[in-house]
């Protein structure tokens, strides 16, 4: 996943927001790869941020901001800051994890894909305004469905003046790992 982080040439990436931080794995990676960043994390679940704080402490990350936010709600105030990089590992079907949780496939309802795609777009609409001109947006799912992946990238490009720099479905099943989708976009000046 580190290959999807933009190169931090001359320290041009100073502010990073992991908007759907969950337990903070991507934030820890960003902190390690990008070095000397001002990190902000948010999630809708307070208990998850509690777990993140424990992981950050174990990783030696003490200087960061965190807040609870329902980013699907357009009336929810998001960060007042603007960021050089926003990481959005958005909620999804989890279809890329079904090789280790095959029971999820059995119980999965195909209509859920549309629900997740709608949820993802709501989050994207609410966080994208916090991205600085020239800033980077890292979109991630653990889904293999185009509606949750490529279609979301089309939505970002068509509505928010973003250009895709790199996009890939990372096939984990060949390595007995989860599959993930990642795309790095840049906001045009």
N, C-alpha and C. Protein backbone atom coordinates (compact mmCIF):
# COMPACT_ATOMS: atom_id res chain seq x y z
N UNK A 1 0.82 -1.20 0.00
CA UNK A 1 0.00 0.00 0.00
C UNK A 1 0.87 1.26 0.00
N UNK A 2 2.07 1.18 0.51
CA UNK A 2 2.93 2.36 0.59
C UNK A 2 3.22 2.97 -0.78
N UNK A 3 3.19 2.15 -1.83
CA UNK A 3 3.47 2.67 -3.18
C UNK A 3 2.38 3.62 -3.67
N UNK A 4 1.25 3.68 -2.97
CA UNK A 4 0.19 4.61 -3.36
C UNK A 4 0.29 5.96 -2.67
N UNK A 5 1.18 6.07 -1.70
CA UNK A 5 1.38 7.37 -1.08
C UNK A 5 2.21 8.24 -2.01
N UNK A 6 1.82 9.51 -2.19
CA UNK A 6 2.62 10.38 -3.06
C UNK A 6 4.00 10.61 -2.47
N UNK A 7 4.98 10.83 -3.34
CA UNK A 7 6.32 11.14 -2.85
C UNK A 7 6.29 12.49 -2.15
N UNK A 8 6.90 12.54 -1.01
CA UNK A 8 6.91 13.77 -0.23
C UNK A 8 8.19 14.55 -0.55
N UNK A 9 8.27 15.00 -1.79
CA UNK A 9 9.45 15.72 -2.26
C UNK A 9 9.50 17.09 -1.59
N UNK A 10 10.64 17.41 -1.01
CA UNK A 10 10.85 18.70 -0.35
C UNK A 10 9.82 18.97 0.74
N UNK A 11 9.25 17.91 1.33
CA UNK A 11 8.30 18.10 2.43
C UNK A 11 7.02 18.79 2.02
N UNK A 12 6.60 18.62 0.76
CA UNK A 12 5.41 19.32 0.28
C UNK A 12 4.12 18.78 0.88
N UNK A 13 4.15 17.59 1.47
CA UNK A 13 2.97 17.04 2.14
C UNK A 13 3.18 17.20 3.64
N UNK A 14 2.51 18.18 4.18
CA UNK A 14 2.66 18.49 5.61
C UNK A 14 1.44 18.08 6.41
N UNK A 15 0.25 18.18 5.81
CA UNK A 15 -0.98 17.91 6.53
C UNK A 15 -1.71 16.73 5.89
N UNK A 16 -2.07 15.76 6.74
CA UNK A 16 -2.72 14.53 6.27
C UNK A 16 -3.95 14.27 7.15
N UNK A 17 -5.07 13.97 6.48
CA UNK A 17 -6.30 13.59 7.18
C UNK A 17 -6.70 12.19 6.75
N UNK A 18 -6.73 11.27 7.67
CA UNK A 18 -7.27 9.94 7.43
C UNK A 18 -8.72 10.01 7.89
N UNK A 19 -9.63 10.22 6.95
CA UNK A 19 -11.01 10.59 7.29
C UNK A 19 -11.86 9.42 7.75
N UNK A 20 -11.53 8.20 7.36
CA UNK A 20 -12.24 7.00 7.81
C UNK A 20 -11.19 6.09 8.44
N UNK A 21 -10.61 6.55 9.52
CA UNK A 21 -9.36 5.99 10.04
C UNK A 21 -9.47 4.58 10.59
N UNK A 22 -10.62 4.18 11.07
CA UNK A 22 -10.77 2.87 11.71
C UNK A 22 -9.68 2.71 12.78
N UNK A 23 -8.95 1.61 12.76
CA UNK A 23 -7.95 1.38 13.80
C UNK A 23 -6.60 2.03 13.51
N UNK A 24 -6.50 2.77 12.40
CA UNK A 24 -5.33 3.61 12.16
C UNK A 24 -4.17 3.02 11.40
N UNK A 25 -4.33 1.86 10.81
CA UNK A 25 -3.21 1.23 10.09
C UNK A 25 -2.65 2.09 8.97
N UNK A 26 -3.51 2.71 8.19
CA UNK A 26 -3.02 3.54 7.08
C UNK A 26 -2.41 4.83 7.59
N UNK A 27 -2.91 5.33 8.71
CA UNK A 27 -2.32 6.53 9.33
C UNK A 27 -0.90 6.24 9.82
N UNK A 28 -0.74 5.07 10.42
CA UNK A 28 0.60 4.68 10.89
C UNK A 28 1.55 4.56 9.70
N UNK A 29 1.08 3.95 8.63
CA UNK A 29 1.89 3.83 7.42
C UNK A 29 2.22 5.21 6.86
N UNK A 30 1.24 6.10 6.79
CA UNK A 30 1.48 7.46 6.30
C UNK A 30 2.52 8.17 7.16
N UNK A 31 2.42 8.01 8.46
CA UNK A 31 3.37 8.63 9.38
C UNK A 31 4.79 8.10 9.14
N UNK A 32 4.90 6.81 8.88
CA UNK A 32 6.21 6.19 8.63
C UNK A 32 6.79 6.58 7.27
N UNK A 33 5.94 6.62 6.24
CA UNK A 33 6.39 6.86 4.88
C UNK A 33 6.63 8.34 4.59
N UNK A 34 5.73 9.19 5.06
CA UNK A 34 5.78 10.61 4.69
C UNK A 34 6.63 11.45 5.63
N UNK A 35 6.80 11.05 6.85
CA UNK A 35 7.70 11.67 7.84
C UNK A 35 7.38 13.15 8.08
N UNK A 36 7.35 13.51 9.35
CA UNK A 36 7.12 14.90 9.78
C UNK A 36 5.82 15.49 9.25
N UNK A 37 4.74 14.75 9.39
CA UNK A 37 3.44 15.25 8.95
C UNK A 37 2.61 15.63 10.16
N UNK A 38 1.65 16.51 9.91
CA UNK A 38 0.64 16.84 10.91
C UNK A 38 -0.56 15.96 10.59
N UNK A 39 -0.85 15.02 11.47
CA UNK A 39 -1.84 13.98 11.21
C UNK A 39 -3.15 14.30 11.91
N UNK A 40 -4.24 14.16 11.16
CA UNK A 40 -5.60 14.26 11.70
C UNK A 40 -6.32 12.98 11.33
N UNK A 41 -7.07 12.43 12.29
CA UNK A 41 -7.82 11.20 12.04
C UNK A 41 -9.26 11.40 12.49
N UNK A 42 -10.18 10.73 11.79
CA UNK A 42 -11.57 10.76 12.21
C UNK A 42 -12.23 9.43 11.86
N UNK A 43 -13.31 9.15 12.57
CA UNK A 43 -14.13 7.98 12.29
C UNK A 43 -15.49 8.24 12.91
N UNK A 44 -16.47 7.52 12.48
CA UNK A 44 -17.83 7.69 12.99
C UNK A 44 -18.00 6.96 14.33
N UNK A 45 -17.11 6.01 14.61
CA UNK A 45 -17.25 5.15 15.79
C UNK A 45 -16.24 5.54 16.87
N UNK A 46 -16.77 5.96 18.02
CA UNK A 46 -15.90 6.39 19.14
C UNK A 46 -15.03 5.25 19.64
N UNK A 47 -15.59 4.04 19.75
CA UNK A 47 -14.81 2.91 20.26
C UNK A 47 -13.65 2.55 19.33
N UNK A 48 -13.83 2.75 18.03
CA UNK A 48 -12.75 2.49 17.08
C UNK A 48 -11.62 3.48 17.27
N UNK A 49 -11.96 4.76 17.50
CA UNK A 49 -10.92 5.76 17.76
C UNK A 49 -10.20 5.46 19.06
N UNK A 50 -10.88 4.87 20.02
CA UNK A 50 -10.23 4.46 21.27
C UNK A 50 -9.16 3.41 20.96
N UNK A 51 -9.50 2.44 20.11
CA UNK A 51 -8.52 1.42 19.70
C UNK A 51 -7.38 2.05 18.92
N UNK A 52 -7.70 3.02 18.07
CA UNK A 52 -6.67 3.72 17.30
C UNK A 52 -5.67 4.39 18.24
N UNK A 53 -6.17 5.02 19.30
CA UNK A 53 -5.28 5.71 20.24
C UNK A 53 -4.29 4.74 20.87
N UNK A 54 -4.74 3.52 21.17
CA UNK A 54 -3.84 2.50 21.72
C UNK A 54 -2.77 2.11 20.69
N UNK A 55 -3.20 1.92 19.45
CA UNK A 55 -2.25 1.54 18.39
C UNK A 55 -1.25 2.67 18.14
N UNK A 56 -1.73 3.91 18.13
CA UNK A 56 -0.83 5.05 17.95
C UNK A 56 0.20 5.12 19.07
N UNK A 57 -0.24 4.92 20.30
CA UNK A 57 0.69 4.96 21.44
C UNK A 57 1.76 3.89 21.27
N UNK A 58 1.36 2.68 20.87
CA UNK A 58 2.33 1.60 20.67
C UNK A 58 3.29 1.92 19.53
N UNK A 59 2.82 2.69 18.53
CA UNK A 59 3.66 3.07 17.38
C UNK A 59 4.46 4.34 17.65
N UNK A 60 4.27 4.93 18.82
CA UNK A 60 5.01 6.15 19.16
C UNK A 60 4.45 7.41 18.52
N UNK A 61 3.20 7.38 18.08
CA UNK A 61 2.56 8.55 17.49
C UNK A 61 1.75 9.24 18.59
N UNK A 62 2.21 10.40 18.99
CA UNK A 62 1.55 11.12 20.09
C UNK A 62 0.99 12.46 19.66
N UNK A 63 1.51 13.01 18.59
CA UNK A 63 1.12 14.35 18.17
C UNK A 63 0.18 14.25 16.97
N UNK A 64 -1.13 14.21 17.23
CA UNK A 64 -2.13 14.13 16.18
C UNK A 64 -3.44 14.69 16.72
N UNK A 65 -4.34 14.98 15.80
CA UNK A 65 -5.69 15.42 16.16
C UNK A 65 -6.66 14.31 15.79
N UNK A 66 -7.71 14.15 16.59
CA UNK A 66 -8.73 13.17 16.24
C UNK A 66 -10.11 13.73 16.57
N UNK A 67 -11.09 13.29 15.80
CA UNK A 67 -12.46 13.68 16.09
C UNK A 67 -13.42 12.65 15.53
N UNK A 68 -14.61 12.62 16.13
CA UNK A 68 -15.67 11.72 15.70
C UNK A 68 -16.53 12.48 14.70
N UNK A 69 -16.83 11.85 13.56
CA UNK A 69 -17.65 12.53 12.56
C UNK A 69 -18.39 11.51 11.71
N UNK A 70 -19.66 11.81 11.44
CA UNK A 70 -20.44 11.05 10.48
C UNK A 70 -20.30 11.78 9.15
N UNK A 71 -19.38 11.35 8.34
CA UNK A 71 -19.05 12.05 7.09
C UNK A 71 -20.08 11.82 5.99
N UNK A 72 -21.12 11.04 6.26
CA UNK A 72 -22.21 10.90 5.30
C UNK A 72 -23.23 12.02 5.46
N UNK A 73 -23.16 12.72 6.57
CA UNK A 73 -24.12 13.79 6.87
C UNK A 73 -23.58 15.12 6.38
N UNK A 74 -24.22 15.74 5.37
CA UNK A 74 -23.71 17.01 4.84
C UNK A 74 -23.75 18.15 5.86
N UNK A 75 -24.55 18.00 6.91
CA UNK A 75 -24.62 19.04 7.95
C UNK A 75 -23.58 18.85 9.04
N UNK A 76 -22.90 17.70 9.01
CA UNK A 76 -21.86 17.40 10.00
C UNK A 76 -20.64 18.26 9.70
N UNK A 77 -20.23 19.08 10.64
CA UNK A 77 -19.01 19.84 10.35
C UNK A 77 -17.81 18.89 10.26
N UNK A 78 -17.07 19.01 9.18
CA UNK A 78 -15.84 18.24 9.04
C UNK A 78 -14.69 19.14 9.49
N UNK A 79 -13.53 18.82 9.14
CA UNK A 79 -12.38 19.60 9.58
C UNK A 79 -12.42 21.01 8.98
N UNK A 80 -12.08 21.99 9.80
CA UNK A 80 -11.99 23.38 9.33
C UNK A 80 -10.68 23.61 8.57
N UNK A 81 -9.77 22.66 8.68
CA UNK A 81 -8.48 22.77 8.00
C UNK A 81 -8.60 22.28 6.56
N UNK A 82 -7.57 22.56 5.79
CA UNK A 82 -7.44 21.92 4.48
C UNK A 82 -6.13 21.13 4.49
N UNK A 83 -6.09 20.09 3.66
CA UNK A 83 -5.03 19.10 3.77
C UNK A 83 -4.31 18.89 2.45
N UNK A 84 -3.03 18.52 2.57
CA UNK A 84 -2.21 18.16 1.42
C UNK A 84 -2.54 16.75 0.94
N UNK A 85 -2.99 15.89 1.84
CA UNK A 85 -3.36 14.51 1.51
C UNK A 85 -4.55 14.11 2.36
N UNK A 86 -5.56 13.56 1.71
CA UNK A 86 -6.68 12.94 2.41
C UNK A 86 -6.68 11.46 2.05
N UNK A 87 -6.71 10.63 3.07
CA UNK A 87 -6.82 9.18 2.90
C UNK A 87 -8.26 8.80 3.21
N UNK A 88 -8.92 8.15 2.26
CA UNK A 88 -10.31 7.74 2.44
C UNK A 88 -10.44 6.25 2.19
N UNK A 89 -10.27 5.47 3.24
CA UNK A 89 -10.49 4.02 3.18
C UNK A 89 -11.94 3.81 3.57
N UNK A 90 -12.82 3.96 2.58
CA UNK A 90 -14.26 4.08 2.82
C UNK A 90 -14.93 2.74 3.14
N UNK A 91 -16.07 2.81 3.84
CA UNK A 91 -16.85 1.59 4.08
C UNK A 91 -17.25 0.95 2.75
N UNK A 92 -17.22 -0.38 2.71
CA UNK A 92 -17.53 -1.07 1.46
C UNK A 92 -18.09 -2.45 1.74
N UNK A 93 -18.36 -3.19 0.69
CA UNK A 93 -18.92 -4.54 0.80
C UNK A 93 -17.97 -5.52 1.47
N UNK A 94 -16.68 -5.23 1.44
CA UNK A 94 -15.70 -6.15 2.00
C UNK A 94 -15.45 -7.36 1.12
N UNK A 95 -15.88 -7.30 -0.12
CA UNK A 95 -15.77 -8.46 -1.02
C UNK A 95 -14.32 -8.92 -1.22
N UNK A 96 -13.37 -8.05 -1.03
CA UNK A 96 -11.97 -8.43 -1.16
C UNK A 96 -11.47 -9.29 -0.01
N UNK A 97 -12.29 -9.44 1.02
CA UNK A 97 -11.90 -10.26 2.18
C UNK A 97 -12.61 -11.61 2.20
N UNK A 98 -13.44 -11.86 1.21
CA UNK A 98 -14.28 -13.06 1.25
C UNK A 98 -13.49 -14.36 1.15
N UNK A 99 -12.25 -14.33 0.71
CA UNK A 99 -11.49 -15.57 0.67
C UNK A 99 -11.21 -16.09 2.08
N UNK A 100 -11.15 -15.18 3.05
CA UNK A 100 -10.95 -15.62 4.44
C UNK A 100 -12.25 -15.62 5.24
N UNK A 101 -13.31 -15.05 4.66
CA UNK A 101 -14.62 -15.05 5.31
C UNK A 101 -15.68 -15.47 4.29
N UNK A 102 -15.61 -16.69 3.78
CA UNK A 102 -16.52 -17.11 2.70
C UNK A 102 -18.00 -17.07 3.10
N UNK A 103 -18.27 -17.13 4.38
CA UNK A 103 -19.67 -17.06 4.82
C UNK A 103 -20.30 -15.72 4.46
N UNK A 104 -19.48 -14.66 4.34
CA UNK A 104 -20.00 -13.35 3.96
C UNK A 104 -20.57 -13.38 2.54
N UNK A 105 -19.96 -14.13 1.67
CA UNK A 105 -20.46 -14.27 0.30
C UNK A 105 -21.83 -14.94 0.30
N UNK A 106 -21.99 -15.94 1.12
CA UNK A 106 -23.26 -16.67 1.18
C UNK A 106 -24.40 -15.75 1.60
N UNK A 107 -24.14 -14.87 2.57
CA UNK A 107 -25.19 -14.01 3.11
C UNK A 107 -25.30 -12.66 2.39
N UNK A 108 -24.40 -12.41 1.47
CA UNK A 108 -24.37 -11.09 0.81
C UNK A 108 -25.54 -10.90 -0.14
N UNK A 109 -26.13 -9.71 -0.08
CA UNK A 109 -27.23 -9.34 -0.98
C UNK A 109 -26.68 -8.37 -2.02
N UNK A 110 -26.76 -8.69 -3.30
CA UNK A 110 -26.20 -7.83 -4.35
C UNK A 110 -26.67 -6.37 -4.29
N UNK A 111 -27.87 -6.12 -3.78
CA UNK A 111 -28.36 -4.74 -3.66
C UNK A 111 -27.49 -3.91 -2.72
N UNK A 112 -26.75 -4.56 -1.85
CA UNK A 112 -25.87 -3.85 -0.91
C UNK A 112 -24.77 -3.08 -1.65
N UNK A 113 -24.39 -3.53 -2.83
CA UNK A 113 -23.35 -2.84 -3.59
C UNK A 113 -23.79 -1.42 -3.89
N UNK A 114 -25.04 -1.25 -4.32
CA UNK A 114 -25.58 0.08 -4.59
C UNK A 114 -25.63 0.93 -3.32
N UNK A 115 -25.99 0.31 -2.20
CA UNK A 115 -26.04 1.04 -0.92
C UNK A 115 -24.65 1.55 -0.53
N UNK A 116 -23.65 0.69 -0.69
CA UNK A 116 -22.29 1.11 -0.36
C UNK A 116 -21.80 2.20 -1.31
N UNK A 117 -22.10 2.06 -2.58
CA UNK A 117 -21.69 3.08 -3.56
C UNK A 117 -22.30 4.45 -3.20
N UNK A 118 -23.55 4.46 -2.79
CA UNK A 118 -24.22 5.70 -2.38
C UNK A 118 -23.56 6.27 -1.12
N UNK A 119 -23.29 5.42 -0.16
CA UNK A 119 -22.61 5.83 1.08
C UNK A 119 -21.23 6.42 0.77
N UNK A 120 -20.49 5.77 -0.11
CA UNK A 120 -19.16 6.24 -0.47
C UNK A 120 -19.22 7.62 -1.11
N UNK A 121 -20.15 7.82 -2.02
CA UNK A 121 -20.29 9.13 -2.68
C UNK A 121 -20.65 10.21 -1.67
N UNK A 122 -21.50 9.89 -0.70
CA UNK A 122 -21.85 10.87 0.33
C UNK A 122 -20.61 11.29 1.12
N UNK A 123 -19.78 10.34 1.47
CA UNK A 123 -18.55 10.64 2.20
C UNK A 123 -17.63 11.49 1.32
N UNK A 124 -17.44 11.08 0.08
CA UNK A 124 -16.54 11.80 -0.83
C UNK A 124 -16.98 13.25 -1.00
N UNK A 125 -18.28 13.48 -1.19
CA UNK A 125 -18.79 14.84 -1.35
C UNK A 125 -18.48 15.72 -0.14
N UNK A 126 -18.51 15.12 1.04
CA UNK A 126 -18.33 15.89 2.26
C UNK A 126 -16.88 16.13 2.66
N UNK A 127 -15.97 15.30 2.19
CA UNK A 127 -14.57 15.49 2.59
C UNK A 127 -13.71 16.18 1.54
N UNK A 128 -14.12 16.14 0.30
CA UNK A 128 -13.26 16.61 -0.79
C UNK A 128 -12.96 18.11 -0.70
N UNK A 129 -13.86 18.88 -0.13
CA UNK A 129 -13.62 20.32 -0.01
C UNK A 129 -12.48 20.66 0.95
N UNK A 130 -12.07 19.69 1.75
CA UNK A 130 -10.95 19.91 2.67
C UNK A 130 -9.59 19.65 2.00
N UNK A 131 -9.60 19.29 0.72
CA UNK A 131 -8.36 19.02 -0.01
C UNK A 131 -7.84 20.30 -0.64
N UNK A 132 -6.58 20.61 -0.38
CA UNK A 132 -5.95 21.81 -0.95
C UNK A 132 -5.78 21.66 -2.46
N UNK A 133 -5.80 22.76 -3.20
CA UNK A 133 -5.45 22.70 -4.63
C UNK A 133 -4.04 22.11 -4.77
N UNK A 134 -3.88 21.17 -5.67
CA UNK A 134 -2.60 20.48 -5.83
C UNK A 134 -2.44 19.32 -4.87
N UNK A 135 -3.38 19.17 -3.92
CA UNK A 135 -3.31 18.11 -2.92
C UNK A 135 -3.68 16.75 -3.49
N UNK A 136 -3.42 15.73 -2.71
CA UNK A 136 -3.62 14.34 -3.13
C UNK A 136 -4.77 13.70 -2.37
N UNK A 137 -5.48 12.82 -3.06
CA UNK A 137 -6.59 12.09 -2.47
C UNK A 137 -6.35 10.61 -2.70
N UNK A 138 -6.24 9.84 -1.63
CA UNK A 138 -6.00 8.40 -1.72
C UNK A 138 -7.29 7.68 -1.36
N UNK A 139 -7.90 7.05 -2.36
CA UNK A 139 -9.16 6.33 -2.20
C UNK A 139 -8.87 4.85 -2.09
N UNK A 140 -9.45 4.19 -1.07
CA UNK A 140 -9.16 2.78 -0.82
C UNK A 140 -10.45 2.05 -0.44
N UNK A 141 -10.60 0.82 -0.95
CA UNK A 141 -11.64 -0.09 -0.47
C UNK A 141 -11.03 -1.49 -0.37
N UNK A 142 -11.75 -2.36 0.32
CA UNK A 142 -11.40 -3.79 0.28
C UNK A 142 -12.49 -4.51 -0.51
N UNK A 143 -12.86 -3.88 -1.62
CA UNK A 143 -13.90 -4.42 -2.51
C UNK A 143 -13.30 -4.73 -3.88
N UNK A 144 -13.95 -5.65 -4.57
CA UNK A 144 -13.55 -5.96 -5.94
C UNK A 144 -14.57 -5.46 -6.96
N UNK A 145 -15.64 -4.82 -6.50
CA UNK A 145 -16.71 -4.40 -7.39
C UNK A 145 -16.45 -3.02 -8.00
N UNK A 146 -16.66 -2.91 -9.30
CA UNK A 146 -16.43 -1.65 -10.02
C UNK A 146 -17.30 -0.51 -9.48
N UNK A 147 -18.53 -0.80 -9.07
CA UNK A 147 -19.40 0.26 -8.54
C UNK A 147 -18.79 0.92 -7.32
N UNK A 148 -18.02 0.18 -6.54
CA UNK A 148 -17.40 0.72 -5.34
C UNK A 148 -16.00 1.27 -5.62
N UNK A 149 -15.47 0.97 -6.77
CA UNK A 149 -14.09 1.33 -7.08
C UNK A 149 -13.99 2.27 -8.28
N UNK A 150 -13.90 1.73 -9.46
CA UNK A 150 -13.72 2.55 -10.66
C UNK A 150 -14.83 3.58 -10.83
N UNK A 151 -16.06 3.21 -10.51
CA UNK A 151 -17.17 4.17 -10.65
C UNK A 151 -17.03 5.32 -9.65
N UNK A 152 -16.50 5.04 -8.46
CA UNK A 152 -16.25 6.11 -7.49
C UNK A 152 -15.16 7.05 -8.00
N UNK A 153 -14.16 6.51 -8.65
CA UNK A 153 -13.09 7.34 -9.22
C UNK A 153 -13.65 8.19 -10.35
N UNK A 154 -14.50 7.62 -11.19
CA UNK A 154 -15.16 8.40 -12.25
C UNK A 154 -15.94 9.56 -11.63
N UNK A 155 -16.66 9.28 -10.56
CA UNK A 155 -17.44 10.30 -9.86
C UNK A 155 -16.54 11.43 -9.36
N UNK A 156 -15.41 11.08 -8.78
CA UNK A 156 -14.47 12.10 -8.28
C UNK A 156 -13.92 12.96 -9.42
N UNK A 157 -13.54 12.31 -10.51
CA UNK A 157 -12.97 13.05 -11.63
C UNK A 157 -14.01 13.96 -12.30
N UNK A 158 -15.21 13.47 -12.42
CA UNK A 158 -16.25 14.24 -13.11
C UNK A 158 -16.77 15.42 -12.30
N UNK A 159 -16.69 15.34 -10.97
CA UNK A 159 -17.33 16.34 -10.12
C UNK A 159 -16.39 17.23 -9.32
N UNK A 160 -15.11 16.86 -9.19
CA UNK A 160 -14.25 17.58 -8.26
C UNK A 160 -12.88 17.97 -8.80
N UNK A 161 -12.72 18.02 -10.10
CA UNK A 161 -11.47 18.49 -10.69
C UNK A 161 -10.25 17.71 -10.19
N UNK A 162 -10.41 16.40 -10.12
CA UNK A 162 -9.32 15.53 -9.71
C UNK A 162 -8.83 14.72 -10.91
N UNK A 163 -7.55 14.45 -10.92
CA UNK A 163 -6.94 13.65 -11.98
C UNK A 163 -6.33 12.40 -11.35
N UNK A 164 -6.62 11.24 -11.94
CA UNK A 164 -6.08 9.99 -11.43
C UNK A 164 -4.61 9.85 -11.82
N UNK A 165 -3.77 9.60 -10.81
CA UNK A 165 -2.34 9.38 -11.04
C UNK A 165 -1.99 7.90 -11.08
N UNK A 166 -2.72 7.12 -10.28
CA UNK A 166 -2.45 5.68 -10.21
C UNK A 166 -3.71 5.01 -9.68
N UNK A 167 -4.04 3.85 -10.26
CA UNK A 167 -5.23 3.12 -9.84
C UNK A 167 -4.99 1.64 -10.07
N UNK A 168 -5.36 0.81 -9.08
CA UNK A 168 -5.09 -0.61 -9.24
C UNK A 168 -5.95 -1.44 -8.29
N UNK A 169 -6.38 -2.60 -8.77
CA UNK A 169 -6.98 -3.61 -7.92
C UNK A 169 -5.82 -4.51 -7.48
N UNK A 170 -5.54 -4.51 -6.21
CA UNK A 170 -4.44 -5.30 -5.66
C UNK A 170 -5.00 -6.68 -5.31
N UNK A 171 -4.68 -7.66 -6.13
CA UNK A 171 -5.25 -8.99 -6.00
C UNK A 171 -4.50 -9.79 -4.94
N UNK A 172 -5.13 -9.95 -3.82
CA UNK A 172 -4.51 -10.65 -2.71
C UNK A 172 -4.72 -12.14 -2.73
N UNK A 173 -5.73 -12.61 -3.46
CA UNK A 173 -6.06 -14.04 -3.40
C UNK A 173 -4.91 -14.91 -3.88
N UNK A 174 -4.07 -14.40 -4.77
CA UNK A 174 -2.91 -15.18 -5.23
C UNK A 174 -1.86 -15.32 -4.13
N UNK A 175 -1.91 -14.41 -3.16
CA UNK A 175 -0.95 -14.41 -2.06
C UNK A 175 -1.59 -14.87 -0.75
N UNK A 176 -2.81 -15.40 -0.82
CA UNK A 176 -3.59 -15.78 0.36
C UNK A 176 -3.76 -14.58 1.29
N UNK A 177 -4.10 -13.45 0.67
CA UNK A 177 -4.32 -12.20 1.41
C UNK A 177 -5.60 -11.56 0.88
N UNK A 178 -6.01 -10.48 1.53
CA UNK A 178 -7.18 -9.73 1.08
C UNK A 178 -6.87 -9.00 -0.22
N UNK A 179 -7.89 -8.80 -1.03
CA UNK A 179 -7.77 -7.95 -2.22
C UNK A 179 -8.23 -6.55 -1.85
N UNK A 180 -7.60 -5.56 -2.43
CA UNK A 180 -7.93 -4.16 -2.15
C UNK A 180 -7.89 -3.37 -3.45
N UNK A 181 -8.58 -2.25 -3.43
CA UNK A 181 -8.54 -1.32 -4.54
C UNK A 181 -7.95 -0.02 -4.00
N UNK A 182 -7.06 0.59 -4.76
CA UNK A 182 -6.49 1.87 -4.35
C UNK A 182 -6.33 2.77 -5.57
N UNK A 183 -6.58 4.05 -5.36
CA UNK A 183 -6.39 5.04 -6.43
C UNK A 183 -5.87 6.32 -5.79
N UNK A 184 -4.84 6.86 -6.40
CA UNK A 184 -4.27 8.14 -5.96
C UNK A 184 -4.66 9.19 -7.01
N UNK A 185 -5.31 10.25 -6.54
CA UNK A 185 -5.74 11.34 -7.41
C UNK A 185 -5.12 12.64 -6.92
N UNK A 186 -5.04 13.62 -7.81
CA UNK A 186 -4.52 14.93 -7.43
C UNK A 186 -5.52 16.00 -7.86
N UNK A 187 -5.76 16.95 -6.95
CA UNK A 187 -6.65 18.05 -7.24
C UNK A 187 -5.94 19.06 -8.13
N UNK A 188 -6.53 19.35 -9.26
CA UNK A 188 -5.91 20.23 -10.24
C UNK A 188 -5.98 21.68 -9.77
N UNK A 189 -4.96 22.44 -10.12
CA UNK A 189 -4.89 23.85 -9.71
C UNK A 189 -5.83 24.70 -10.52
